[in-house]
Amino acid sequence: MLLALDAGNSNITIGAFVERKLVSQWRLRTVHEQTADEWGILLRNLFSPAGLDIATVDGMIISSVVPPIDSTLAFTAQRYFQTEAMFVGPRTDIGLTIRYDNPNEVGADRLVNGVAGFYKYGGPCVIVDLGTTINFDVISQDGAYLGGAIAVGVGISIEALFRKTARLPQVDFRAPAGVVGTNTVASMQSGLYFGTIGMIDGILERMIAEMGPQTKTVATGGQAHLIVSGSRYLKNVDEHLTLEGLEMIWERNRERRTPKAPRPPR
């Protein structure tokens, strides 16, 4: 079994793959202070209700944009799964050419999304990942990661409205009944929803004009379904895109991985 972890600023998404099929997934909060033992116990507790055997895990691949927790996750892999975690980075063989000015600056999650987007949908394509930030990742027709755009995420916008104003409440992100809000909450939800869609469509319109009308667009992340329902350019939602990209990279590098060490006798 392969464990794939996408460690973001707000959440860590974990997927379990058996024979290349995603059989279970979980979404947890990113806690910087969590120890390797706490991670190990937590993962054990997740496995049991899902009917999975922790002893069958023979590989772990991680994309992380939170460096402070990387050593903890690496130690968790060693201690609880007797394997060396594979961290995706600019030097990893991902099957794409990276044409970013400085490849070391590209977030691992952006590279992983680029891999899954290209190999599932073909190029050119733009992947829009709605997380703490809203990332636009652009892949050329010949499989080159070109870069993209990074915008403020929905959660940050909601938090900023609440914290930086005296009388505005904290609201949920949802599709409003109409663009004209008739109370404060509805007005905020209208601004957040249609403002986010307008920003996404505006960036996509320019990217498609540059890349060509054959450009595919794919949305992933927490608010993807809500955004796609109102977007002019986003038509595909792929909930498992990042996890599947991690699995693809693992398979591409599988032969180079060190075999799992045998478990010590009990």
C-alpha atoms as a PDB file:
ATOM      1  CA  MET A   1       0.000   0.000   0.000  1.00  0.00           C
ATOM      2  CA  LEU A   2       1.147   3.521  -0.818  1.00  0.00           C
ATOM      3  CA  LEU A   3       0.432   6.473   1.449  1.00  0.00           C
ATOM      4  CA  ALA A   4       0.330   9.834  -0.353  1.00  0.00           C
ATOM      5  CA  LEU A   5       0.380  13.017   1.733  1.00  0.00           C
ATOM      6  CA  ASP A   6      -0.271  16.541   0.483  1.00  0.00           C
ATOM      7  CA  ALA A   7       0.795  18.866   3.318  1.00  0.00           C
ATOM      8  CA  GLY A   8      -0.629  22.345   2.863  1.00  0.00           C
ATOM      9  CA  ASN A   9      -0.678  25.414   5.077  1.00  0.00           C
ATOM     10  CA  SER A  10      -4.178  24.709   6.414  1.00  0.00           C
ATOM     11  CA  ASN A  11      -4.775  20.981   5.839  1.00  0.00           C
ATOM     12  CA  ILE A  12      -2.991  17.734   5.148  1.00  0.00           C
ATOM     13  CA  THR A  13      -4.753  15.415   2.725  1.00  0.00           C
ATOM     14  CA  ILE A  14      -3.821  11.742   2.988  1.00  0.00           C
ATOM     15  CA  GLY A  15      -4.635   9.059   0.445  1.00  0.00           C
ATOM     16  CA  ALA A  16      -4.157   5.291   0.619  1.00  0.00           C
ATOM     17  CA  PHE A  17      -3.521   3.530  -2.704  1.00  0.00           C
ATOM     18  CA  VAL A  18      -3.771  -0.210  -3.265  1.00  0.00           C
ATOM     19  CA  GLU A  19      -2.676  -1.436  -6.702  1.00  0.00           C
ATOM     20  CA  ARG A  20      -2.751   2.158  -7.943  1.00  0.00           C
ATOM     21  CA  LYS A  21      -6.365   2.645  -6.820  1.00  0.00           C
ATOM     22  CA  LEU A  22      -7.301   5.271  -4.214  1.00  0.00           C
ATOM     23  CA  VAL A  23      -9.149   3.268  -1.554  1.00  0.00           C
ATOM     24  CA  SER A  24      -9.357   5.797   1.302  1.00  0.00           C
ATOM     25  CA  GLN A  25      -8.617   9.434   1.929  1.00  0.00           C
ATOM     26  CA  TRP A  26      -8.630  11.770   4.909  1.00  0.00           C
ATOM     27  CA  ARG A  27      -8.279  15.520   5.457  1.00  0.00           C
ATOM     28  CA  LEU A  28      -6.616  16.723   8.671  1.00  0.00           C
ATOM     29  CA  ARG A  29      -5.592  20.100  10.033  1.00  0.00           C
ATOM     30  CA  THR A  30      -1.933  21.043   9.622  1.00  0.00           C
ATOM     31  CA  VAL A  31      -0.570  21.184  13.183  1.00  0.00           C
ATOM     32  CA  HIS A  32       3.046  22.315  13.324  1.00  0.00           C
ATOM     33  CA  GLU A  33       3.584  21.084  16.893  1.00  0.00           C
ATOM     34  CA  GLN A  34       2.392  17.514  16.264  1.00  0.00           C
ATOM     35  CA  THR A  35       5.055  14.928  17.030  1.00  0.00           C
ATOM     36  CA  ALA A  36       5.959  11.842  15.014  1.00  0.00           C
ATOM     37  CA  ASP A  37       4.365   9.613  17.671  1.00  0.00           C
ATOM     38  CA  GLU A  38       1.158  11.633  17.534  1.00  0.00           C
ATOM     39  CA  TRP A  39       1.138  11.284  13.742  1.00  0.00           C
ATOM     40  CA  GLY A  40       1.759   7.550  14.026  1.00  0.00           C
ATOM     41  CA  ILE A  41      -1.085   7.045  16.506  1.00  0.00           C
ATOM     42  CA  LEU A  42      -3.409   9.220  14.432  1.00  0.00           C
ATOM     43  CA  LEU A  43      -2.697   7.264  11.253  1.00  0.00           C
ATOM     44  CA  ARG A  44      -3.253   3.964  13.044  1.00  0.00           C
ATOM     45  CA  ASN A  45      -6.621   5.239  14.263  1.00  0.00           C
ATOM     46  CA  LEU A  46      -7.580   6.260  10.742  1.00  0.00           C
ATOM     47  CA  PHE A  47      -6.626   2.895   9.268  1.00  0.00           C
ATOM     48  CA  SER A  48      -8.675   0.720  11.578  1.00  0.00           C
ATOM     49  CA  PRO A  49     -12.205   2.021  10.732  1.00  0.00           C
ATOM     50  CA  ALA A  50     -11.297   1.941   7.032  1.00  0.00           C
ATOM     51  CA  GLY A  51     -10.418  -1.756   7.272  1.00  0.00           C
ATOM     52  CA  LEU A  52      -6.786  -1.127   6.301  1.00  0.00           C
ATOM     53  CA  ASP A  53      -3.744  -2.856   7.733  1.00  0.00           C
ATOM     54  CA  ILE A  54      -0.908  -0.516   8.636  1.00  0.00           C
ATOM     55  CA  ALA A  55       1.562  -3.374   8.111  1.00  0.00           C
ATOM     56  CA  THR A  56       0.834  -3.388   4.366  1.00  0.00           C
ATOM     57  CA  VAL A  57       2.141   0.160   3.855  1.00  0.00           C
ATOM     58  CA  ASP A  58       5.346  -0.164   1.862  1.00  0.00           C
ATOM     59  CA  GLY A  59       5.789   3.365   0.570  1.00  0.00           C
ATOM     60  CA  MET A  60       5.096   6.995   1.399  1.00  0.00           C
ATOM     61  CA  ILE A  61       5.282  10.026  -0.892  1.00  0.00           C
ATOM     62  CA  ILE A  62       4.831  13.590   0.320  1.00  0.00           C
ATOM     63  CA  SER A  63       4.334  16.986  -1.265  1.00  0.00           C
ATOM     64  CA  SER A  64       4.805  19.653   1.382  1.00  0.00           C
ATOM     65  CA  VAL A  65       4.766  23.439   1.440  1.00  0.00           C
ATOM     66  CA  VAL A  66       5.262  23.474   5.224  1.00  0.00           C
ATOM     67  CA  PRO A  67       8.995  22.887   5.854  1.00  0.00           C
ATOM     68  CA  PRO A  68       8.714  22.856   9.698  1.00  0.00           C
ATOM     69  CA  ILE A  69       6.775  19.571   9.643  1.00  0.00           C
ATOM     70  CA  ASP A  70       8.861  17.772   7.006  1.00  0.00           C
ATOM     71  CA  SER A  71      11.321  16.194   9.440  1.00  0.00           C
ATOM     72  CA  THR A  72       8.447  15.004  11.640  1.00  0.00           C
ATOM     73  CA  LEU A  73       6.680  13.342   8.712  1.00  0.00           C
ATOM     74  CA  ALA A  74       9.967  11.755   7.586  1.00  0.00           C
ATOM     75  CA  PHE A  75      10.544  10.309  11.061  1.00  0.00           C
ATOM     76  CA  THR A  76       6.945   9.057  11.188  1.00  0.00           C
ATOM     77  CA  ALA A  77       7.569   7.129   7.961  1.00  0.00           C
ATOM     78  CA  GLN A  78      10.715   5.546   9.393  1.00  0.00           C
ATOM     79  CA  ARG A  79       9.337   4.702  12.816  1.00  0.00           C
ATOM     80  CA  TYR A  80       5.823   3.533  11.997  1.00  0.00           C
ATOM     81  CA  PHE A  81       6.126   2.271   8.422  1.00  0.00           C
ATOM     82  CA  GLN A  82       9.814   1.237   8.199  1.00  0.00           C
ATOM     83  CA  THR A  83      10.217   3.186   4.964  1.00  0.00           C
ATOM     84  CA  GLU A  84      11.920   6.339   3.735  1.00  0.00           C
ATOM     85  CA  ALA A  85       9.408   8.984   2.718  1.00  0.00           C
ATOM     86  CA  MET A  86       9.867  10.396  -0.775  1.00  0.00           C
ATOM     87  CA  PHE A  87       9.502  14.186  -0.816  1.00  0.00           C
ATOM     88  CA  VAL A  88       8.591  15.757  -4.158  1.00  0.00           C
ATOM     89  CA  GLY A  89      10.838  18.631  -5.185  1.00  0.00           C
ATOM     90  CA  PRO A  90      12.320  20.353  -8.240  1.00  0.00           C
ATOM     91  CA  ARG A  91      14.933  17.589  -8.637  1.00  0.00           C
ATOM     92  CA  THR A  92      12.366  14.783  -8.567  1.00  0.00           C
ATOM     93  CA  ASP A  93      11.748  13.043 -11.880  1.00  0.00           C
ATOM     94  CA  ILE A  94       8.127  14.083 -12.416  1.00  0.00           C
ATOM     95  CA  GLY A  95       7.920  13.589 -16.166  1.00  0.00           C
ATOM     96  CA  LEU A  96       7.601  17.313 -16.899  1.00  0.00           C
ATOM     97  CA  THR A  97      10.203  19.889 -17.866  1.00  0.00           C
ATOM     98  CA  ILE A  98      10.236  22.723 -15.338  1.00  0.00           C
ATOM     99  CA  ARG A  99      10.627  26.104 -17.037  1.00  0.00           C
ATOM    100  CA  TYR A 100      10.181  28.247 -13.938  1.00  0.00           C
ATOM    101  CA  ASP A 101      12.941  30.857 -13.568  1.00  0.00           C
ATOM    102  CA  ASN A 102      14.052  29.243 -10.311  1.00  0.00           C
ATOM    103  CA  PRO A 103      12.675  25.683  -9.975  1.00  0.00           C
ATOM    104  CA  ASN A 104      13.475  25.727  -6.234  1.00  0.00           C
ATOM    105  CA  GLU A 105      10.723  28.311  -5.756  1.00  0.00           C
ATOM    106  CA  VAL A 106       7.925  26.128  -7.118  1.00  0.00           C
ATOM    107  CA  GLY A 107       5.687  24.582  -4.451  1.00  0.00           C
ATOM    108  CA  ALA A 108       5.688  20.796  -4.534  1.00  0.00           C
ATOM    109  CA  ASP A 109       1.890  20.752  -4.688  1.00  0.00           C
ATOM    110  CA  ARG A 110       1.968  22.873  -7.851  1.00  0.00           C
ATOM    111  CA  LEU A 111       4.312  20.427  -9.560  1.00  0.00           C
ATOM    112  CA  VAL A 112       2.183  17.472  -8.489  1.00  0.00           C
ATOM    113  CA  ASN A 113      -0.987  19.125  -9.814  1.00  0.00           C
ATOM    114  CA  GLY A 114       0.806  19.826 -13.072  1.00  0.00           C
ATOM    115  CA  VAL A 115       1.734  16.164 -13.447  1.00  0.00           C
ATOM    116  CA  ALA A 116      -1.801  14.920 -12.799  1.00  0.00           C
ATOM    117  CA  GLY A 117      -3.364  17.612 -14.979  1.00  0.00           C
ATOM    118  CA  PHE A 118      -1.125  16.871 -17.950  1.00  0.00           C
ATOM    119  CA  TYR A 119      -1.244  13.074 -17.798  1.00  0.00           C
ATOM    120  CA  LYS A 120      -4.995  12.926 -17.152  1.00  0.00           C
ATOM    121  CA  TYR A 121      -6.216  15.706 -19.442  1.00  0.00           C
ATOM    122  CA  GLY A 122      -3.373  16.502 -21.833  1.00  0.00           C
ATOM    123  CA  GLY A 123      -1.800  19.823 -22.687  1.00  0.00           C
ATOM    124  CA  PRO A 124      -2.016  22.668 -22.761  1.00  0.00           C
ATOM    125  CA  CYS A 125      -3.898  22.816 -19.486  1.00  0.00           C
ATOM    126  CA  VAL A 126      -4.416  25.061 -16.495  1.00  0.00           C
ATOM    127  CA  ILE A 127      -5.040  23.610 -13.046  1.00  0.00           C
ATOM    128  CA  VAL A 128      -6.778  25.840 -10.518  1.00  0.00           C
ATOM    129  CA  ASP A 129      -6.218  24.657  -6.937  1.00  0.00           C
ATOM    130  CA  LEU A 130      -8.469  26.345  -4.366  1.00  0.00           C
ATOM    131  CA  GLY A 131      -6.711  26.095  -1.036  1.00  0.00           C
ATOM    132  CA  THR A 132      -5.166  28.577   1.387  1.00  0.00           C
ATOM    133  CA  THR A 133      -4.088  30.331  -1.782  1.00  0.00           C
ATOM    134  CA  ILE A 134      -5.616  29.949  -5.229  1.00  0.00           C
ATOM    135  CA  ASN A 135      -2.928  28.526  -7.494  1.00  0.00           C
ATOM    136  CA  PHE A 136      -3.024  28.535 -11.285  1.00  0.00           C
ATOM    137  CA  ASP A 137      -0.560  26.058 -12.805  1.00  0.00           C
ATOM    138  CA  VAL A 138       0.060  26.099 -16.551  1.00  0.00           C
ATOM    139  CA  ILE A 139       1.338  23.111 -18.525  1.00  0.00           C
ATOM    140  CA  SER A 140       2.274  23.398 -22.189  1.00  0.00           C
ATOM    141  CA  GLN A 141       1.200  21.048 -24.953  1.00  0.00           C
ATOM    142  CA  ASP A 142       4.596  19.324 -24.899  1.00  0.00           C
ATOM    143  CA  GLY A 143       4.571  18.711 -21.139  1.00  0.00           C
ATOM    144  CA  ALA A 144       6.471  21.649 -19.696  1.00  0.00           C
ATOM    145  CA  TYR A 145       5.576  23.281 -16.413  1.00  0.00           C
ATOM    146  CA  LEU A 146       5.550  26.970 -17.348  1.00  0.00           C
ATOM    147  CA  GLY A 147       4.461  28.596 -14.089  1.00  0.00           C
ATOM    148  CA  GLY A 148       1.181  30.348 -13.437  1.00  0.00           C
ATOM    149  CA  ALA A 149      -0.333  32.669 -10.864  1.00  0.00           C
ATOM    150  CA  ILE A 150      -0.921  32.751  -7.110  1.00  0.00           C
ATOM    151  CA  ALA A 151      -3.891  34.636  -5.665  1.00  0.00           C
ATOM    152  CA  VAL A 152      -5.430  35.129  -2.229  1.00  0.00           C
ATOM    153  CA  GLY A 153      -7.523  32.169  -1.104  1.00  0.00           C
ATOM    154  CA  VAL A 154     -11.143  32.325  -0.025  1.00  0.00           C
ATOM    155  CA  GLY A 155     -10.361  31.572   3.629  1.00  0.00           C
ATOM    156  CA  ILE A 156      -7.823  34.401   3.838  1.00  0.00           C
ATOM    157  CA  SER A 157     -10.343  36.823   2.321  1.00  0.00           C
ATOM    158  CA  ILE A 158     -13.031  35.827   4.830  1.00  0.00           C
ATOM    159  CA  GLU A 159     -10.599  36.137   7.739  1.00  0.00           C
ATOM    160  CA  ALA A 160      -9.374  39.540   6.547  1.00  0.00           C
ATOM    161  CA  LEU A 161     -12.918  40.929   6.273  1.00  0.00           C
ATOM    162  CA  PHE A 162     -13.693  39.743   9.798  1.00  0.00           C
ATOM    163  CA  ARG A 163     -10.471  40.867  11.470  1.00  0.00           C
ATOM    164  CA  LYS A 164      -9.883  44.151   9.667  1.00  0.00           C
ATOM    165  CA  THR A 165     -13.369  45.589  10.101  1.00  0.00           C
ATOM    166  CA  ALA A 166     -15.289  46.592  13.210  1.00  0.00           C
ATOM    167  CA  ARG A 167     -18.786  45.432  12.328  1.00  0.00           C
ATOM    168  CA  LEU A 168     -18.559  42.736   9.646  1.00  0.00           C
ATOM    169  CA  PRO A 169     -19.229  39.168  10.860  1.00  0.00           C
ATOM    170  CA  GLN A 170     -17.412  36.004   9.871  1.00  0.00           C
ATOM    171  CA  VAL A 171     -19.398  34.247   7.145  1.00  0.00           C
ATOM    172  CA  ASP A 172     -19.422  30.945   5.283  1.00  0.00           C
ATOM    173  CA  PHE A 173     -18.375  30.744   1.662  1.00  0.00           C
ATOM    174  CA  ARG A 174     -21.423  29.759  -0.352  1.00  0.00           C
ATOM    175  CA  ALA A 175     -23.297  30.611  -3.535  1.00  0.00           C
ATOM    176  CA  PRO A 176     -25.702  33.472  -2.678  1.00  0.00           C
ATOM    177  CA  ALA A 177     -29.294  33.670  -3.837  1.00  0.00           C
ATOM    178  CA  GLY A 178     -28.391  36.630  -6.038  1.00  0.00           C
ATOM    179  CA  VAL A 179     -25.654  39.131  -6.716  1.00  0.00           C
ATOM    180  CA  VAL A 180     -27.506  41.905  -4.850  1.00  0.00           C
ATOM    181  CA  GLY A 181     -27.341  41.113  -1.144  1.00  0.00           C
ATOM    182  CA  THR A 182     -30.209  42.461   0.959  1.00  0.00           C
ATOM    183  CA  ASN A 183     -28.405  42.158   4.301  1.00  0.00           C
ATOM    184  CA  THR A 184     -24.810  42.276   5.509  1.00  0.00           C
ATOM    185  CA  VAL A 185     -24.175  38.527   5.447  1.00  0.00           C
ATOM    186  CA  ALA A 186     -25.701  38.114   1.979  1.00  0.00           C
ATOM    187  CA  SER A 187     -23.744  41.127   0.702  1.00  0.00           C
ATOM    188  CA  MET A 188     -20.480  39.673   1.996  1.00  0.00           C
ATOM    189  CA  GLN A 189     -21.247  36.268   0.519  1.00  0.00           C
ATOM    190  CA  SER A 190     -22.059  37.876  -2.824  1.00  0.00           C
ATOM    191  CA  GLY A 191     -18.795  39.795  -2.827  1.00  0.00           C
ATOM    192  CA  LEU A 192     -16.759  36.745  -1.833  1.00  0.00           C
ATOM    193  CA  TYR A 193     -18.424  34.350  -4.253  1.00  0.00           C
ATOM    194  CA  PHE A 194     -18.729  36.501  -7.354  1.00  0.00           C
ATOM    195  CA  GLY A 195     -15.467  38.288  -6.596  1.00  0.00           C
ATOM    196  CA  THR A 196     -13.597  34.969  -6.458  1.00  0.00           C
ATOM    197  CA  ILE A 197     -15.237  33.709  -9.645  1.00  0.00           C
ATOM    198  CA  GLY A 198     -14.549  37.002 -11.413  1.00  0.00           C
ATOM    199  CA  MET A 199     -10.888  36.877 -10.422  1.00  0.00           C
ATOM    200  CA  ILE A 200     -10.524  33.244 -11.509  1.00  0.00           C
ATOM    201  CA  ASP A 201     -12.308  33.793 -14.824  1.00  0.00           C
ATOM    202  CA  GLY A 202     -10.331  36.947 -15.485  1.00  0.00           C
ATOM    203  CA  ILE A 203      -7.002  35.169 -15.049  1.00  0.00           C
ATOM    204  CA  LEU A 204      -8.146  32.125 -17.021  1.00  0.00           C
ATOM    205  CA  GLU A 205      -9.378  34.297 -19.889  1.00  0.00           C
ATOM    206  CA  ARG A 206      -5.900  35.790 -20.259  1.00  0.00           C
ATOM    207  CA  MET A 207      -4.146  32.440 -19.891  1.00  0.00           C
ATOM    208  CA  ILE A 208      -6.370  30.778 -22.504  1.00  0.00           C
ATOM    209  CA  ALA A 209      -5.795  33.707 -24.867  1.00  0.00           C
ATOM    210  CA  GLU A 210      -2.057  33.146 -24.482  1.00  0.00           C
ATOM    211  CA  MET A 211      -2.055  29.326 -24.548  1.00  0.00           C
ATOM    212  CA  GLY A 212      -4.761  28.796 -27.185  1.00  0.00           C
ATOM    213  CA  PRO A 213      -8.465  27.893 -27.288  1.00  0.00           C
ATOM    214  CA  GLN A 214      -7.676  24.163 -26.942  1.00  0.00           C
ATOM    215  CA  THR A 215      -6.468  24.761 -23.367  1.00  0.00           C
ATOM    216  CA  LYS A 216      -8.146  22.473 -20.807  1.00  0.00           C
ATOM    217  CA  THR A 217      -9.069  23.808 -17.371  1.00  0.00           C
ATOM    218  CA  VAL A 218      -9.389  21.720 -14.221  1.00  0.00           C
ATOM    219  CA  ALA A 219     -10.367  22.760 -10.704  1.00  0.00           C
ATOM    220  CA  THR A 220      -9.397  20.993  -7.502  1.00  0.00           C
ATOM    221  CA  GLY A 221      -9.429  21.841  -3.818  1.00  0.00           C
ATOM    222  CA  GLY A 222     -11.975  22.664  -1.156  1.00  0.00           C
ATOM    223  CA  GLN A 223     -14.292  25.093  -2.959  1.00  0.00           C
ATOM    224  CA  ALA A 224     -13.893  23.673  -6.462  1.00  0.00           C
ATOM    225  CA  HIS A 225     -17.495  22.496  -6.888  1.00  0.00           C
ATOM    226  CA  LEU A 226     -18.928  25.852  -5.795  1.00  0.00           C
ATOM    227  CA  ILE A 227     -16.666  27.815  -8.121  1.00  0.00           C
ATOM    228  CA  VAL A 228     -17.175  25.621 -11.178  1.00  0.00           C
ATOM    229  CA  SER A 229     -20.939  26.002 -10.958  1.00  0.00           C
ATOM    230  CA  GLY A 230     -20.604  29.751 -11.573  1.00  0.00           C
ATOM    231  CA  SER A 231     -17.467  29.939 -13.734  1.00  0.00           C
ATOM    232  CA  ARG A 232     -17.399  30.571 -17.477  1.00  0.00           C
ATOM    233  CA  TYR A 233     -14.083  28.797 -18.001  1.00  0.00           C
ATOM    234  CA  LEU A 234     -13.799  26.106 -15.325  1.00  0.00           C
ATOM    235  CA  LYS A 235     -15.776  23.044 -16.372  1.00  0.00           C
ATOM    236  CA  ASN A 236     -13.941  20.087 -14.804  1.00  0.00           C
ATOM    237  CA  VAL A 237     -13.696  19.285 -11.098  1.00  0.00           C
ATOM    238  CA  ASP A 238     -11.148  16.660 -10.030  1.00  0.00           C
ATOM    239  CA  GLU A 239     -11.308  16.169  -6.277  1.00  0.00           C
ATOM    240  CA  HIS A 240      -8.429  13.682  -6.102  1.00  0.00           C
ATOM    241  CA  LEU A 241      -6.086  15.383  -8.586  1.00  0.00           C
ATOM    242  CA  THR A 242      -3.211  16.072  -6.169  1.00  0.00           C
ATOM    243  CA  LEU A 243      -3.267  12.628  -4.569  1.00  0.00           C
ATOM    244  CA  GLU A 244      -3.357  10.969  -7.988  1.00  0.00           C
ATOM    245  CA  GLY A 245      -0.443  13.128  -9.097  1.00  0.00           C
ATOM    246  CA  LEU A 246       1.572  11.909  -6.128  1.00  0.00           C
ATOM    247  CA  GLU A 247       0.764   8.308  -7.019  1.00  0.00           C
ATOM    248  CA  MET A 248       1.888   8.925 -10.628  1.00  0.00           C
ATOM    249  CA  ILE A 249       5.213  10.361  -9.471  1.00  0.00           C
ATOM    250  CA  TRP A 250       5.728   7.448  -7.085  1.00  0.00           C
ATOM    251  CA  GLU A 251       5.181   4.919  -9.865  1.00  0.00           C
ATOM    252  CA  ARG A 252       7.562   6.816 -12.147  1.00  0.00           C
ATOM    253  CA  ASN A 253      10.320   6.622  -9.509  1.00  0.00           C
ATOM    254  CA  ARG A 254       9.379   3.290  -7.989  1.00  0.00           C
ATOM    255  CA  GLU A 255      12.277   1.265  -9.332  1.00  0.00           C
ATOM    256  CA  ARG A 256      14.751   3.674  -7.754  1.00  0.00           C
ATOM    257  CA  ARG A 257      13.236   3.436  -4.285  1.00  0.00           C
ATOM    258  CA  THR A 258      14.932   1.447  -1.525  1.00  0.00           C
ATOM    259  CA  PRO A 259      12.924  -1.664  -0.628  1.00  0.00           C
ATOM    260  CA  LYS A 260      11.054  -1.498   2.664  1.00  0.00           C
ATOM    261  CA  ALA A 261      13.025  -2.805   5.608  1.00  0.00           C
ATOM    262  CA  PRO A 262      11.615  -5.916   7.282  1.00  0.00           C
ATOM    263  CA  ARG A 263       9.654  -5.315  10.483  1.00  0.00           C
ATOM    264  CA  PRO A 264      11.515  -6.334  13.651  1.00  0.00           C
ATOM    265  CA  PRO A 265      10.236  -9.522  15.324  1.00  0.00           C
ATOM    266  CA  ARG A 266       7.719  -8.998  18.134  1.00  0.00           C
END
